[in-house]
Amino acid sequence: VQLQASGGGLVQTGGSLRLSCAGSGHIFNPRYMSWFRQAPGKERDFVAAIKWSSGSTNYADSVKGRFTISRDKTKNTMYLQMNTLTPEDTAVYHCAADPSLIQSSIATRTAYRYWGQGTLVTVSS
């Protein structure tokens, strides 16, 4: 399985961006896909997760109401719509997937088997 993240860029405070994460491989059928982010000098933190089969979602408190995770199963692609961005959202955003993750571990970075390369989001003040 390979994951390719895209869509990052420079945006002003209050602006929006949509990230994409395209999956490929012989059989692409993750149980969960997620977004994590890593700001300079900080740990890689959980942002949002989506259960591939049902589309059910979970969010970090810091992004609830501003970010929306979704997926298109026909394209093997996950999205992160980010609205009302602030400088605190500046980070490299990584997508992750795992075929057997359990719901209680979705925010645990080390629980994911597959990772994308990351896409940089910079929010200017």
PDB file of N, CA and C in Angstrom:
ATOM      1  N   VAL A   1       0.848  -1.195   0.000  1.00  0.00           N
ATOM      2  CA  VAL A   1       0.000   0.000   0.000  1.00  0.00           C
ATOM      3  C   VAL A   1       0.879   1.239   0.000  1.00  0.00           C
ATOM      4  N   GLN A   2       0.529   2.164  -0.870  1.00  0.00           N
ATOM      5  CA  GLN A   2       1.219   3.454  -0.905  1.00  0.00           C
ATOM      6  C   GLN A   2       0.203   4.563  -0.740  1.00  0.00           C
ATOM      7  N   LEU A   3       0.602   5.603  -0.006  1.00  0.00           N
ATOM      8  CA  LEU A   3      -0.258   6.756   0.225  1.00  0.00           C
ATOM      9  C   LEU A   3       0.432   8.001  -0.294  1.00  0.00           C
ATOM     10  N   GLN A   4      -0.304   8.823  -1.028  1.00  0.00           N
ATOM     11  CA  GLN A   4       0.241  10.046  -1.604  1.00  0.00           C
ATOM     12  C   GLN A   4      -0.611  11.212  -1.156  1.00  0.00           C
ATOM     13  N   ALA A   5      -0.038  12.055  -0.299  1.00  0.00           N
ATOM     14  CA  ALA A   5      -0.749  13.230   0.187  1.00  0.00           C
ATOM     15  C   ALA A   5      -0.456  14.427  -0.701  1.00  0.00           C
ATOM     16  N   SER A   6      -1.445  15.297  -0.843  1.00  0.00           N
ATOM     17  CA  SER A   6      -1.283  16.509  -1.644  1.00  0.00           C
ATOM     18  C   SER A   6      -2.270  17.566  -1.170  1.00  0.00           C
ATOM     19  N   GLY A   7      -2.082  18.791  -1.671  1.00  0.00           N
ATOM     20  CA  GLY A   7      -3.030  19.852  -1.386  1.00  0.00           C
ATOM     21  C   GLY A   7      -2.560  20.916  -0.418  1.00  0.00           C
ATOM     22  N   GLY A   8      -1.389  20.732   0.168  1.00  0.00           N
ATOM     23  CA  GLY A   8      -0.893  21.738   1.089  1.00  0.00           C
ATOM     24  C   GLY A   8      -0.505  23.023   0.373  1.00  0.00           C
ATOM     25  N   GLY A   9      -0.234  24.055   1.162  1.00  0.00           N
ATOM     26  CA  GLY A   9       0.154  25.329   0.592  1.00  0.00           C
ATOM     27  C   GLY A   9       0.141  26.427   1.624  1.00  0.00           C
ATOM     28  N   LEU A  10       0.252  27.638   1.133  1.00  0.00           N
ATOM     29  CA  LEU A  10       0.259  28.836   1.994  1.00  0.00           C
ATOM     30  C   LEU A  10      -1.116  29.497   1.919  1.00  0.00           C
ATOM     31  N   VAL A  11      -1.684  29.786   3.086  1.00  0.00           N
ATOM     32  CA  VAL A  11      -3.006  30.411   3.149  1.00  0.00           C
ATOM     33  C   VAL A  11      -3.019  31.407   4.295  1.00  0.00           C
ATOM     34  N   GLN A  12      -3.840  32.416   4.172  1.00  0.00           N
ATOM     35  CA  GLN A  12      -3.951  33.415   5.234  1.00  0.00           C
ATOM     36  C   GLN A  12      -4.884  32.924   6.340  1.00  0.00           C
ATOM     37  N   THR A  13      -4.737  33.506   7.499  1.00  0.00           N
ATOM     38  CA  THR A  13      -5.630  33.205   8.615  1.00  0.00           C
ATOM     39  C   THR A  13      -7.080  33.381   8.182  1.00  0.00           C
ATOM     40  N   GLY A  14      -7.896  32.393   8.541  1.00  0.00           N
ATOM     41  CA  GLY A  14      -9.300  32.410   8.163  1.00  0.00           C
ATOM     42  C   GLY A  14      -9.597  31.724   6.849  1.00  0.00           C
ATOM     43  N   GLY A  15      -8.551  31.361   6.129  1.00  0.00           N
ATOM     44  CA  GLY A  15      -8.729  30.726   4.839  1.00  0.00           C
ATOM     45  C   GLY A  15      -9.000  29.235   4.935  1.00  0.00           C
ATOM     46  N   SER A  16      -9.069  28.601   3.761  1.00  0.00           N
ATOM     47  CA  SER A  16      -9.398  27.181   3.672  1.00  0.00           C
ATOM     48  C   SER A  16      -8.434  26.460   2.736  1.00  0.00           C
ATOM     49  N   LEU A  17      -8.271  25.179   2.979  1.00  0.00           N
ATOM     50  CA  LEU A  17      -7.516  24.294   2.107  1.00  0.00           C
ATOM     51  C   LEU A  17      -8.173  22.926   2.144  1.00  0.00           C
ATOM     52  N   ARG A  18      -8.001  22.174   1.063  1.00  0.00           N
ATOM     53  CA  ARG A  18      -8.447  20.781   1.060  1.00  0.00           C
ATOM     54  C   ARG A  18      -7.267  19.879   0.727  1.00  0.00           C
ATOM     55  N   LEU A  19      -6.971  18.975   1.639  1.00  0.00           N
ATOM     56  CA  LEU A  19      -5.923  18.000   1.430  1.00  0.00           C
ATOM     57  C   LEU A  19      -6.519  16.712   0.875  1.00  0.00           C
ATOM     58  N   SER A  20      -5.708  16.012   0.099  1.00  0.00           N
ATOM     59  CA  SER A  20      -6.103  14.714  -0.440  1.00  0.00           C
ATOM     60  C   SER A  20      -5.043  13.682  -0.098  1.00  0.00           C
ATOM     61  N   CYS A  21      -5.478  12.452   0.022  1.00  0.00           N
ATOM     62  CA  CYS A  21      -4.557  11.338   0.249  1.00  0.00           C
ATOM     63  C   CYS A  21      -5.046  10.178  -0.603  1.00  0.00           C
ATOM     64  N   ALA A  22      -4.286   9.880  -1.644  1.00  0.00           N
ATOM     65  CA  ALA A  22      -4.667   8.815  -2.568  1.00  0.00           C
ATOM     66  C   ALA A  22      -3.946   7.524  -2.196  1.00  0.00           C
ATOM     67  N   GLY A  23      -4.694   6.461  -2.091  1.00  0.00           N
ATOM     68  CA  GLY A  23      -4.122   5.168  -1.765  1.00  0.00           C
ATOM     69  C   GLY A  23      -4.027   4.283  -2.986  1.00  0.00           C
ATOM     70  N   SER A  24      -2.997   3.456  -3.000  1.00  0.00           N
ATOM     71  CA  SER A  24      -2.826   2.507  -4.097  1.00  0.00           C
ATOM     72  C   SER A  24      -2.203   1.233  -3.567  1.00  0.00           C
ATOM     73  N   GLY A  25      -2.357   0.187  -4.315  1.00  0.00           N
ATOM     74  CA  GLY A  25      -1.824  -1.095  -3.901  1.00  0.00           C
ATOM     75  C   GLY A  25      -2.679  -2.199  -4.463  1.00  0.00           C
ATOM     76  N   HIS A  26      -2.184  -3.422  -4.304  1.00  0.00           N
ATOM     77  CA  HIS A  26      -2.878  -4.561  -4.894  1.00  0.00           C
ATOM     78  C   HIS A  26      -4.306  -4.669  -4.383  1.00  0.00           C
ATOM     79  N   ILE A  27      -4.451  -4.581  -3.080  1.00  0.00           N
ATOM     80  CA  ILE A  27      -5.786  -4.576  -2.486  1.00  0.00           C
ATOM     81  C   ILE A  27      -5.828  -3.433  -1.488  1.00  0.00           C
ATOM     82  N   PHE A  28      -6.551  -2.382  -1.840  1.00  0.00           N
ATOM     83  CA  PHE A  28      -6.619  -1.227  -0.948  1.00  0.00           C
ATOM     84  C   PHE A  28      -7.935  -1.288  -0.196  1.00  0.00           C
ATOM     85  N   ASN A  29      -7.873  -1.694   1.033  1.00  0.00           N
ATOM     86  CA  ASN A  29      -9.070  -1.819   1.853  1.00  0.00           C
ATOM     87  C   ASN A  29      -8.729  -1.559   3.314  1.00  0.00           C
ATOM     88  N   PRO A  30      -8.395  -0.316   3.627  1.00  0.00           N
ATOM     89  CA  PRO A  30      -8.031  -0.025   5.018  1.00  0.00           C
ATOM     90  C   PRO A  30      -9.243  -0.137   5.932  1.00  0.00           C
ATOM     91  N   ARG A  31      -9.002  -0.330   7.169  1.00  0.00           N
ATOM     92  CA  ARG A  31     -10.075  -0.264   8.155  1.00  0.00           C
ATOM     93  C   ARG A  31     -10.289   1.189   8.577  1.00  0.00           C
ATOM     94  N   TYR A  32      -9.203   1.876   8.836  1.00  0.00           N
ATOM     95  CA  TYR A  32      -9.242   3.299   9.142  1.00  0.00           C
ATOM     96  C   TYR A  32      -8.199   4.037   8.313  1.00  0.00           C
ATOM     97  N   MET A  33      -8.533   5.264   7.944  1.00  0.00           N
ATOM     98  CA  MET A  33      -7.551   6.207   7.424  1.00  0.00           C
ATOM     99  C   MET A  33      -7.632   7.464   8.263  1.00  0.00           C
ATOM    100  N   SER A  34      -6.472   8.099   8.425  1.00  0.00           N
ATOM    101  CA  SER A  34      -6.418   9.244   9.330  1.00  0.00           C
ATOM    102  C   SER A  34      -5.463  10.308   8.820  1.00  0.00           C
ATOM    103  N   TRP A  35      -5.617  11.466   9.405  1.00  0.00           N
ATOM    104  CA  TRP A  35      -4.673  12.562   9.231  1.00  0.00           C
ATOM    105  C   TRP A  35      -4.000  12.855  10.570  1.00  0.00           C
ATOM    106  N   PHE A  36      -2.703  13.033  10.512  1.00  0.00           N
ATOM    107  CA  PHE A  36      -1.916  13.510  11.637  1.00  0.00           C
ATOM    108  C   PHE A  36      -1.186  14.766  11.161  1.00  0.00           C
ATOM    109  N   ARG A  37      -0.705  15.550  12.098  1.00  0.00           N
ATOM    110  CA  ARG A  37       0.086  16.717  11.722  1.00  0.00           C
ATOM    111  C   ARG A  37       1.232  16.901  12.687  1.00  0.00           C
ATOM    112  N   GLN A  38       2.310  17.463  12.159  1.00  0.00           N
ATOM    113  CA  GLN A  38       3.508  17.692  12.959  1.00  0.00           C
ATOM    114  C   GLN A  38       4.010  19.100  12.721  1.00  0.00           C
ATOM    115  N   ALA A  39       3.903  19.923  13.754  1.00  0.00           N
ATOM    116  CA  ALA A  39       4.430  21.274  13.706  1.00  0.00           C
ATOM    117  C   ALA A  39       5.923  21.226  14.015  1.00  0.00           C
ATOM    118  N   PRO A  40       6.678  22.259  13.605  1.00  0.00           N
ATOM    119  CA  PRO A  40       8.118  22.268  13.855  1.00  0.00           C
ATOM    120  C   PRO A  40       8.442  22.104  15.339  1.00  0.00           C
ATOM    121  N   GLY A  41       9.296  21.150  15.647  1.00  0.00           N
ATOM    122  CA  GLY A  41       9.725  20.932  17.015  1.00  0.00           C
ATOM    123  C   GLY A  41       8.717  20.240  17.903  1.00  0.00           C
ATOM    124  N   LYS A  42       7.630  19.738  17.322  1.00  0.00           N
ATOM    125  CA  LYS A  42       6.586  19.102  18.131  1.00  0.00           C
ATOM    126  C   LYS A  42       6.347  17.662  17.677  1.00  0.00           C
ATOM    127  N   GLU A  43       5.571  16.966  18.490  1.00  0.00           N
ATOM    128  CA  GLU A  43       5.206  15.590  18.154  1.00  0.00           C
ATOM    129  C   GLU A  43       4.193  15.565  17.016  1.00  0.00           C
ATOM    130  N   ARG A  44       4.072  14.413  16.385  1.00  0.00           N
ATOM    131  CA  ARG A  44       3.058  14.208  15.362  1.00  0.00           C
ATOM    132  C   ARG A  44       1.747  13.883  16.062  1.00  0.00           C
ATOM    133  N   ASP A  45       0.763  14.750  15.874  1.00  0.00           N
ATOM    134  CA  ASP A  45      -0.503  14.650  16.608  1.00  0.00           C
ATOM    135  C   ASP A  45      -1.656  14.225  15.706  1.00  0.00           C
ATOM    136  N   PHE A  46      -2.578  13.536  16.301  1.00  0.00           N
ATOM    137  CA  PHE A  46      -3.787  13.098  15.611  1.00  0.00           C
ATOM    138  C   PHE A  46      -4.669  14.297  15.261  1.00  0.00           C
ATOM    139  N   VAL A  47      -5.239  14.256  14.051  1.00  0.00           N
ATOM    140  CA  VAL A  47      -6.150  15.307  13.619  1.00  0.00           C
ATOM    141  C   VAL A  47      -7.567  14.751  13.428  1.00  0.00           C
ATOM    142  N   ALA A  48      -7.684  13.710  12.580  1.00  0.00           N
ATOM    143  CA  ALA A  48      -9.009  13.168  12.268  1.00  0.00           C
ATOM    144  C   ALA A  48      -8.859  11.775  11.688  1.00  0.00           C
ATOM    145  N   ALA A  49      -9.909  10.975  11.845  1.00  0.00           N
ATOM    146  CA  ALA A  49      -9.921   9.615  11.318  1.00  0.00           C
ATOM    147  C   ALA A  49     -11.267   9.313  10.701  1.00  0.00           C
ATOM    148  N   ILE A  50     -11.250   8.396   9.742  1.00  0.00           N
ATOM    149  CA  ILE A  50     -12.483   7.957   9.112  1.00  0.00           C
ATOM    150  C   ILE A  50     -12.446   6.446   8.952  1.00  0.00           C
ATOM    151  N   LYS A  51     -13.537   5.808   9.310  1.00  0.00           N
ATOM    152  CA  LYS A  51     -13.644   4.373   9.101  1.00  0.00           C
ATOM    153  C   LYS A  51     -14.027   4.155   7.642  1.00  0.00           C
ATOM    154  N   TRP A  52     -13.193   3.390   6.937  1.00  0.00           N
ATOM    155  CA  TRP A  52     -13.318   3.318   5.490  1.00  0.00           C
ATOM    156  C   TRP A  52     -14.671   2.750   5.050  1.00  0.00           C
ATOM    157  N   SER A  53     -15.137   1.734   5.728  1.00  0.00           N
ATOM    158  CA  SER A  53     -16.349   1.064   5.285  1.00  0.00           C
ATOM    159  C   SER A  53     -17.606   1.892   5.526  1.00  0.00           C
ATOM    160  N   SER A  54     -17.690   2.507   6.707  1.00  0.00           N
ATOM    161  CA  SER A  54     -18.937   3.188   7.081  1.00  0.00           C
ATOM    162  C   SER A  54     -18.890   4.696   6.894  1.00  0.00           C
ATOM    163  N   GLY A  55     -17.681   5.253   6.883  1.00  0.00           N
ATOM    164  CA  GLY A  55     -17.562   6.706   6.798  1.00  0.00           C
ATOM    165  C   GLY A  55     -17.691   7.410   8.136  1.00  0.00           C
ATOM    166  N   SER A  56     -17.767   6.666   9.221  1.00  0.00           N
ATOM    167  CA  SER A  56     -17.859   7.328  10.529  1.00  0.00           C
ATOM    168  C   SER A  56     -16.545   8.040  10.828  1.00  0.00           C
ATOM    169  N   THR A  57     -16.636   9.149  11.550  1.00  0.00           N
ATOM    170  CA  THR A  57     -15.479  10.027  11.723  1.00  0.00           C
ATOM    171  C   THR A  57     -15.198  10.347  13.179  1.00  0.00           C
ATOM    172  N   ASN A  58     -13.943  10.714  13.432  1.00  0.00           N
ATOM    173  CA  ASN A  58     -13.510  11.185  14.748  1.00  0.00           C
ATOM    174  C   ASN A  58     -12.549  12.347  14.536  1.00  0.00           C
ATOM    175  N   TYR A  59     -12.578  13.302  15.466  1.00  0.00           N
ATOM    176  CA  TYR A  59     -11.750  14.490  15.341  1.00  0.00           C
ATOM    177  C   TYR A  59     -11.046  14.817  16.650  1.00  0.00           C
ATOM    178  N   ALA A  60      -9.871  15.421  16.514  1.00  0.00           N
ATOM    179  CA  ALA A  60      -9.233  16.025  17.675  1.00  0.00           C
ATOM    180  C   ALA A  60     -10.045  17.248  18.082  1.00  0.00           C
ATOM    181  N   ASP A  61     -10.052  17.546  19.367  1.00  0.00           N
ATOM    182  CA  ASP A  61     -10.840  18.682  19.854  1.00  0.00           C
ATOM    183  C   ASP A  61     -10.416  19.987  19.184  1.00  0.00           C
ATOM    184  N   SER A  62      -9.144  20.099  18.859  1.00  0.00           N
ATOM    185  CA  SER A  62      -8.616  21.355  18.316  1.00  0.00           C
ATOM    186  C   SER A  62      -9.140  21.680  16.921  1.00  0.00           C
ATOM    187  N   VAL A  63      -9.704  20.690  16.225  1.00  0.00           N
ATOM    188  CA  VAL A  63     -10.166  20.929  14.858  1.00  0.00           C
ATOM    189  C   VAL A  63     -11.671  20.704  14.690  1.00  0.00           C
ATOM    190  N   LYS A  64     -12.333  20.258  15.727  1.00  0.00           N
ATOM    191  CA  LYS A  64     -13.779  20.011  15.625  1.00  0.00           C
ATOM    192  C   LYS A  64     -14.508  21.282  15.224  1.00  0.00           C
ATOM    193  N   GLY A  65     -15.414  21.127  14.261  1.00  0.00           N
ATOM    194  CA  GLY A  65     -16.186  22.257  13.782  1.00  0.00           C
ATOM    195  C   GLY A  65     -15.505  23.061  12.690  1.00  0.00           C
ATOM    196  N   ARG A  66     -14.205  22.811  12.476  1.00  0.00           N
ATOM    197  CA  ARG A  66     -13.471  23.532  11.423  1.00  0.00           C
ATOM    198  C   ARG A  66     -13.003  22.611  10.299  1.00  0.00           C
ATOM    199  N   PHE A  67     -12.642  21.395  10.644  1.00  0.00           N
ATOM    200  CA  PHE A  67     -12.118  20.424   9.676  1.00  0.00           C
ATOM    201  C   PHE A  67     -13.164  19.339   9.436  1.00  0.00           C
ATOM    202  N   THR A  68     -13.182  18.829   8.203  1.00  0.00           N
ATOM    203  CA  THR A  68     -14.065  17.722   7.847  1.00  0.00           C
ATOM    204  C   THR A  68     -13.275  16.671   7.079  1.00  0.00           C
ATOM    205  N   ILE A  69     -13.294  15.452   7.585  1.00  0.00           N
ATOM    206  CA  ILE A  69     -12.643  14.339   6.898  1.00  0.00           C
ATOM    207  C   ILE A  69     -13.694  13.576   6.111  1.00  0.00           C
ATOM    208  N   SER A  70     -13.306  13.136   4.922  1.00  0.00           N
ATOM    209  CA  SER A  70     -14.226  12.369   4.083  1.00  0.00           C
ATOM    210  C   SER A  70     -13.425  11.421   3.210  1.00  0.00           C
ATOM    211  N   ARG A  71     -14.135  10.541   2.514  1.00  0.00           N
ATOM    212  CA  ARG A  71     -13.427   9.641   1.604  1.00  0.00           C
ATOM    213  C   ARG A  71     -14.307   9.315   0.402  1.00  0.00           C
ATOM    214  N   ASP A  72     -13.623   8.994  -0.691  1.00  0.00           N
ATOM    215  CA  ASP A  72     -14.287   8.535  -1.907  1.00  0.00           C
ATOM    216  C   ASP A  72     -13.751   7.140  -2.188  1.00  0.00           C
ATOM    217  N   LYS A  73     -14.564   6.144  -1.885  1.00  0.00           N
ATOM    218  CA  LYS A  73     -14.112   4.767  -2.023  1.00  0.00           C
ATOM    219  C   LYS A  73     -13.833   4.411  -3.474  1.00  0.00           C
ATOM    220  N   THR A  74     -14.525   5.041  -4.412  1.00  0.00           N
ATOM    221  CA  THR A  74     -14.314   4.721  -5.824  1.00  0.00           C
ATOM    222  C   THR A  74     -12.953   5.197  -6.314  1.00  0.00           C
ATOM    223  N   LYS A  75     -12.396   6.187  -5.613  1.00  0.00           N
ATOM    224  CA  LYS A  75     -11.086   6.730  -5.989  1.00  0.00           C
ATOM    225  C   LYS A  75      -9.983   6.350  -5.008  1.00  0.00           C
ATOM    226  N   ASN A  76     -10.321   5.556  -3.997  1.00  0.00           N
ATOM    227  CA  ASN A  76      -9.341   5.201  -2.958  1.00  0.00           C
ATOM    228  C   ASN A  76      -8.685   6.448  -2.372  1.00  0.00           C
ATOM    229  N   THR A  77      -9.461   7.478  -2.153  1.00  0.00           N
ATOM    230  CA  THR A  77      -8.918   8.764  -1.733  1.00  0.00           C
ATOM    231  C   THR A  77      -9.651   9.304  -0.513  1.00  0.00           C
ATOM    232  N   MET A  78      -8.857   9.834   0.401  1.00  0.00           N
ATOM    233  CA  MET A  78      -9.374  10.482   1.604  1.00  0.00           C
ATOM    234  C   MET A  78      -9.093  11.980   1.493  1.00  0.00           C
ATOM    235  N   TYR A  79      -9.963  12.776   2.101  1.00  0.00           N
ATOM    236  CA  TYR A  79      -9.830  14.227   2.030  1.00  0.00           C
ATOM    237  C   TYR A  79      -9.870  14.836   3.431  1.00  0.00           C
ATOM    238  N   LEU A  80      -9.306  16.017   3.534  1.00  0.00           N
ATOM    239  CA  LEU A  80      -9.439  16.806   4.750  1.00  0.00           C
ATOM    240  C   LEU A  80      -9.743  18.237   4.329  1.00  0.00           C
ATOM    241  N   GLN A  81     -10.981  18.649   4.517  1.00  0.00           N
ATOM    242  CA  GLN A  81     -11.378  20.024   4.258  1.00  0.00           C
ATOM    243  C   GLN A  81     -11.090  20.831   5.512  1.00  0.00           C
ATOM    244  N   MET A  82     -10.253  21.835   5.380  1.00  0.00           N
ATOM    245  CA  MET A  82      -9.836  22.637   6.518  1.00  0.00           C
ATOM    246  C   MET A  82     -10.329  24.069   6.333  1.00  0.00           C
ATOM    247  N   ASN A  83     -11.169  24.520   7.244  1.00  0.00           N
ATOM    248  CA  ASN A  83     -11.720  25.867   7.190  1.00  0.00           C
ATOM    249  C   ASN A  83     -11.287  26.668   8.411  1.00  0.00           C
ATOM    250  N   THR A  84     -11.433  27.971   8.318  1.00  0.00           N
ATOM    251  CA  THR A  84     -11.115  28.880   9.426  1.00  0.00           C
ATOM    252  C   THR A  84      -9.725  28.572   9.983  1.00  0.00           C
ATOM    253  N   LEU A  85      -8.758  28.496   9.101  1.00  0.00           N
ATOM    254  CA  LEU A  85      -7.402  28.133   9.510  1.00  0.00           C
ATOM    255  C   LEU A  85      -6.758  29.249  10.319  1.00  0.00           C
ATOM    256  N   THR A  86      -5.926  28.836  11.261  1.00  0.00           N
ATOM    257  CA  THR A  86      -5.157  29.766  12.093  1.00  0.00           C
ATOM    258  C   THR A  86      -3.687  29.405  12.008  1.00  0.00           C
ATOM    259  N   PRO A  87      -2.795  30.293  12.429  1.00  0.00           N
ATOM    260  CA  PRO A  87      -1.360  29.961  12.412  1.00  0.00           C
ATOM    261  C   PRO A  87      -1.033  28.698  13.223  1.00  0.00           C
ATOM    262  N   GLU A  88      -1.859  28.383  14.209  1.00  0.00           N
ATOM    263  CA  GLU A  88      -1.627  27.176  15.014  1.00  0.00           C
ATOM    264  C   GLU A  88      -1.864  25.892  14.205  1.00  0.00           C
ATOM    265  N   ASP A  89      -2.475  26.006  13.045  1.00  0.00           N
ATOM    266  CA  ASP A  89      -2.677  24.841  12.176  1.00  0.00           C
ATOM    267  C   ASP A  89      -1.483  24.583  11.259  1.00  0.00           C
ATOM    268  N   THR A  90      -0.492  25.471  11.288  1.00  0.00           N
ATOM    269  CA  THR A  90       0.693  25.294  10.463  1.00  0.00           C
ATOM    270  C   THR A  90       1.437  24.025  10.868  1.00  0.00           C
ATOM    271  N   ALA A  91       1.649  23.142   9.894  1.00  0.00           N
ATOM    272  CA  ALA A  91       2.292  21.856  10.178  1.00  0.00           C
ATOM    273  C   ALA A  91       2.454  21.089   8.872  1.00  0.00           C
ATOM    274  N   VAL A  92       3.221  20.009   8.953  1.00  0.00           N
ATOM    275  CA  VAL A  92       3.218  19.025   7.881  1.00  0.00           C
ATOM    276  C   VAL A  92       2.109  18.027   8.198  1.00  0.00           C
ATOM    277  N   TYR A  93       1.216  17.840   7.257  1.00  0.00           N
ATOM    278  CA  TYR A  93       0.075  16.941   7.440  1.00  0.00           C
ATOM    279  C   TYR A  93       0.389  15.606   6.764  1.00  0.00           C
ATOM    280  N   HIS A  94       0.240  14.542   7.544  1.00  0.00           N
ATOM    281  CA  HIS A  94       0.526  13.198   7.061  1.00  0.00           C
ATOM    282  C   HIS A  94      -0.756  12.377   7.065  1.00  0.00           C
ATOM    283  N   CYS A  95      -0.935  11.570   6.024  1.00  0.00           N
ATOM    284  CA  CYS A  95      -2.043  10.634   6.051  1.00  0.00           C
ATOM    285  C   CYS A  95      -1.532   9.246   6.417  1.00  0.00           C
ATOM    286  N   ALA A  96      -2.397   8.481   7.019  1.00  0.00           N
ATOM    287  CA  ALA A  96      -2.039   7.153   7.494  1.00  0.00           C
ATOM    288  C   ALA A  96      -3.204   6.205   7.279  1.00  0.00           C
ATOM    289  N   ALA A  97      -2.872   4.929   7.170  1.00  0.00           N
ATOM    290  CA  ALA A  97      -3.910   3.917   6.968  1.00  0.00           C
ATOM    291  C   ALA A  97      -3.487   2.622   7.637  1.00  0.00           C
ATOM    292  N   ASP A  98      -4.470   1.866   8.033  1.00  0.00           N
ATOM    293  CA  ASP A  98      -4.181   0.560   8.615  1.00  0.00           C
ATOM    294  C   ASP A  98      -5.339  -0.384   8.329  1.00  0.00           C
ATOM    295  N   PRO A  99      -5.025  -1.633   8.005  1.00  0.00           N
ATOM    296  CA  PRO A  99      -6.081  -2.586   7.640  1.00  0.00           C
ATOM    297  C   PRO A  99      -6.775  -3.246   8.819  1.00  0.00           C
ATOM    298  N   SER A 100      -6.214  -3.085  10.026  1.00  0.00           N
ATOM    299  CA  SER A 100      -6.798  -3.838  11.145  1.00  0.00           C
ATOM    300  C   SER A 100      -6.906  -3.018  12.416  1.00  0.00           C
ATOM    301  N   LEU A 101      -6.783  -1.729  12.318  1.00  0.00           N
ATOM    302  CA  LEU A 101      -6.817  -0.866  13.499  1.00  0.00           C
ATOM    303  C   LEU A 101      -8.140  -0.978  14.231  1.00  0.00           C
ATOM    304  N   ILE A 102      -8.085  -0.902  15.540  1.00  0.00           N
ATOM    305  CA  ILE A 102      -9.320  -0.869  16.318  1.00  0.00           C
ATOM    306  C   ILE A 102      -9.635   0.571  16.688  1.00  0.00           C
ATOM    307  N   GLN A 103     -10.899   0.842  16.962  1.00  0.00           N
ATOM    308  CA  GLN A 103     -11.366   2.199  17.158  1.00  0.00           C
ATOM    309  C   GLN A 103     -10.662   2.908  18.305  1.00  0.00           C
ATOM    310  N   SER A 104     -10.323   2.165  19.345  1.00  0.00           N
ATOM    311  CA  SER A 104      -9.679   2.781  20.504  1.00  0.00           C
ATOM    312  C   SER A 104      -8.259   3.245  20.221  1.00  0.00           C
ATOM    313  N   SER A 105      -7.679   2.840  19.097  1.00  0.00           N
ATOM    314  CA  SER A 105      -6.294   3.198  18.773  1.00  0.00           C
ATOM    315  C   SER A 105      -6.162   4.205  17.647  1.00  0.00           C
ATOM    316  N   ILE A 106      -7.259   4.791  17.206  1.00  0.00           N
ATOM    317  CA  ILE A 106      -7.187   5.631  16.013  1.00  0.00           C
ATOM    318  C   ILE A 106      -6.321   6.871  16.215  1.00  0.00           C
ATOM    319  N   ALA A 107      -6.144   7.326  17.421  1.00  0.00           N
ATOM    320  CA  ALA A 107      -5.327   8.514  17.667  1.00  0.00           C
ATOM    321  C   ALA A 107      -3.886   8.179  18.023  1.00  0.00           C
ATOM    322  N   THR A 108      -3.527   6.913  17.937  1.00  0.00           N
ATOM    323  CA  THR A 108      -2.187   6.449  18.312  1.00  0.00           C
ATOM    324  C   THR A 108      -1.318   6.350  17.073  1.00  0.00           C
ATOM    325  N   ARG A 109      -0.330   7.228  16.984  1.00  0.00           N
ATOM    326  CA  ARG A 109       0.509   7.299  15.780  1.00  0.00           C
ATOM    327  C   ARG A 109       1.161   5.956  15.464  1.00  0.00           C
ATOM    328  N   THR A 110       1.662   5.305  16.460  1.00  0.00           N
ATOM    329  CA  THR A 110       2.427   4.071  16.237  1.00  0.00           C
ATOM    330  C   THR A 110       1.555   2.884  15.841  1.00  0.00           C
ATOM    331  N   ALA A 111       0.245   3.043  15.879  1.00  0.00           N
ATOM    332  CA  ALA A 111      -0.656   1.936  15.532  1.00  0.00           C
ATOM    333  C   ALA A 111      -0.860   1.786  14.029  1.00  0.00           C
ATOM    334  N   TYR A 112      -0.425   2.759  13.252  1.00  0.00           N
ATOM    335  CA  TYR A 112      -0.679   2.744  11.812  1.00  0.00           C
ATOM    336  C   TYR A 112       0.463   2.089  11.052  1.00  0.00           C
ATOM    337  N   ARG A 113       0.106   1.254  10.093  1.00  0.00           N
ATOM    338  CA  ARG A 113       1.110   0.541   9.319  1.00  0.00           C
ATOM    339  C   ARG A 113       1.633   1.353   8.137  1.00  0.00           C
ATOM    340  N   TYR A 114       0.764   2.128   7.509  1.00  0.00           N
ATOM    341  CA  TYR A 114       1.136   2.821   6.271  1.00  0.00           C
ATOM    342  C   TYR A 114       1.023   4.342   6.440  1.00  0.00           C
ATOM    343  N   TRP A 115       2.025   5.038   5.871  1.00  0.00           N
ATOM    344  CA  TRP A 115       2.076   6.492   5.971  1.00  0.00           C
ATOM    345  C   TRP A 115       2.369   7.112   4.619  1.00  0.00           C
ATOM    346  N   GLY A 116       1.770   8.282   4.388  1.00  0.00           N
ATOM    347  CA  GLY A 116       2.128   9.095   3.248  1.00  0.00           C
ATOM    348  C   GLY A 116       3.308   9.981   3.593  1.00  0.00           C
ATOM    349  N   GLN A 117       3.794  10.723   2.610  1.00  0.00           N
ATOM    350  CA  GLN A 117       5.027  11.492   2.773  1.00  0.00           C
ATOM    351  C   GLN A 117       4.804  12.841   3.448  1.00  0.00           C
ATOM    352  N   GLY A 118       3.571  13.306   3.544  1.00  0.00           N
ATOM    353  CA  GLY A 118       3.305  14.590   4.189  1.00  0.00           C
ATOM    354  C   GLY A 118       3.180  15.726   3.194  1.00  0.00           C
ATOM    355  N   THR A 119       2.354  16.681   3.549  1.00  0.00           N
ATOM    356  CA  THR A 119       2.173  17.888   2.755  1.00  0.00           C
ATOM    357  C   THR A 119       2.136  19.074   3.703  1.00  0.00           C
ATOM    358  N   LEU A 120       2.879  20.127   3.358  1.00  0.00           N
ATOM    359  CA  LEU A 120       3.062  21.257   4.263  1.00  0.00           C
ATOM    360  C   LEU A 120       1.913  22.257   4.128  1.00  0.00           C
ATOM    361  N   VAL A 121       1.349  22.608   5.254  1.00  0.00           N
ATOM    362  CA  VAL A 121       0.333  23.647   5.341  1.00  0.00           C
ATOM    363  C   VAL A 121       0.893  24.791   6.168  1.00  0.00           C
ATOM    364  N   THR A 122       0.920  25.981   5.592  1.00  0.00           N
ATOM    365  CA  THR A 122       1.422  27.161   6.287  1.00  0.00           C
ATOM    366  C   THR A 122       0.319  28.203   6.311  1.00  0.00           C
ATOM    367  N   VAL A 123      -0.024  28.634   7.519  1.00  0.00           N
ATOM    368  CA  VAL A 123      -1.073  29.639   7.691  1.00  0.00           C
ATOM    369  C   VAL A 123      -0.407  30.912   8.185  1.00  0.00           C
ATOM    370  N   SER A 124      -0.509  31.960   7.407  1.00  0.00           N
ATOM    371  CA  SER A 124       0.114  33.230   7.777  1.00  0.00           C
ATOM    372  C   SER A 124      -0.860  34.093   8.571  1.00  0.00           C
ATOM    373  N   SER A 125      -0.289  34.899   9.473  1.00  0.00           N
ATOM    374  CA  SER A 125      -1.123  35.758  10.326  1.00  0.00           C
ATOM    375  C   SER A 125      -1.352  37.109   9.686  1.00  0.00           C
TER     376      SER A 125
END
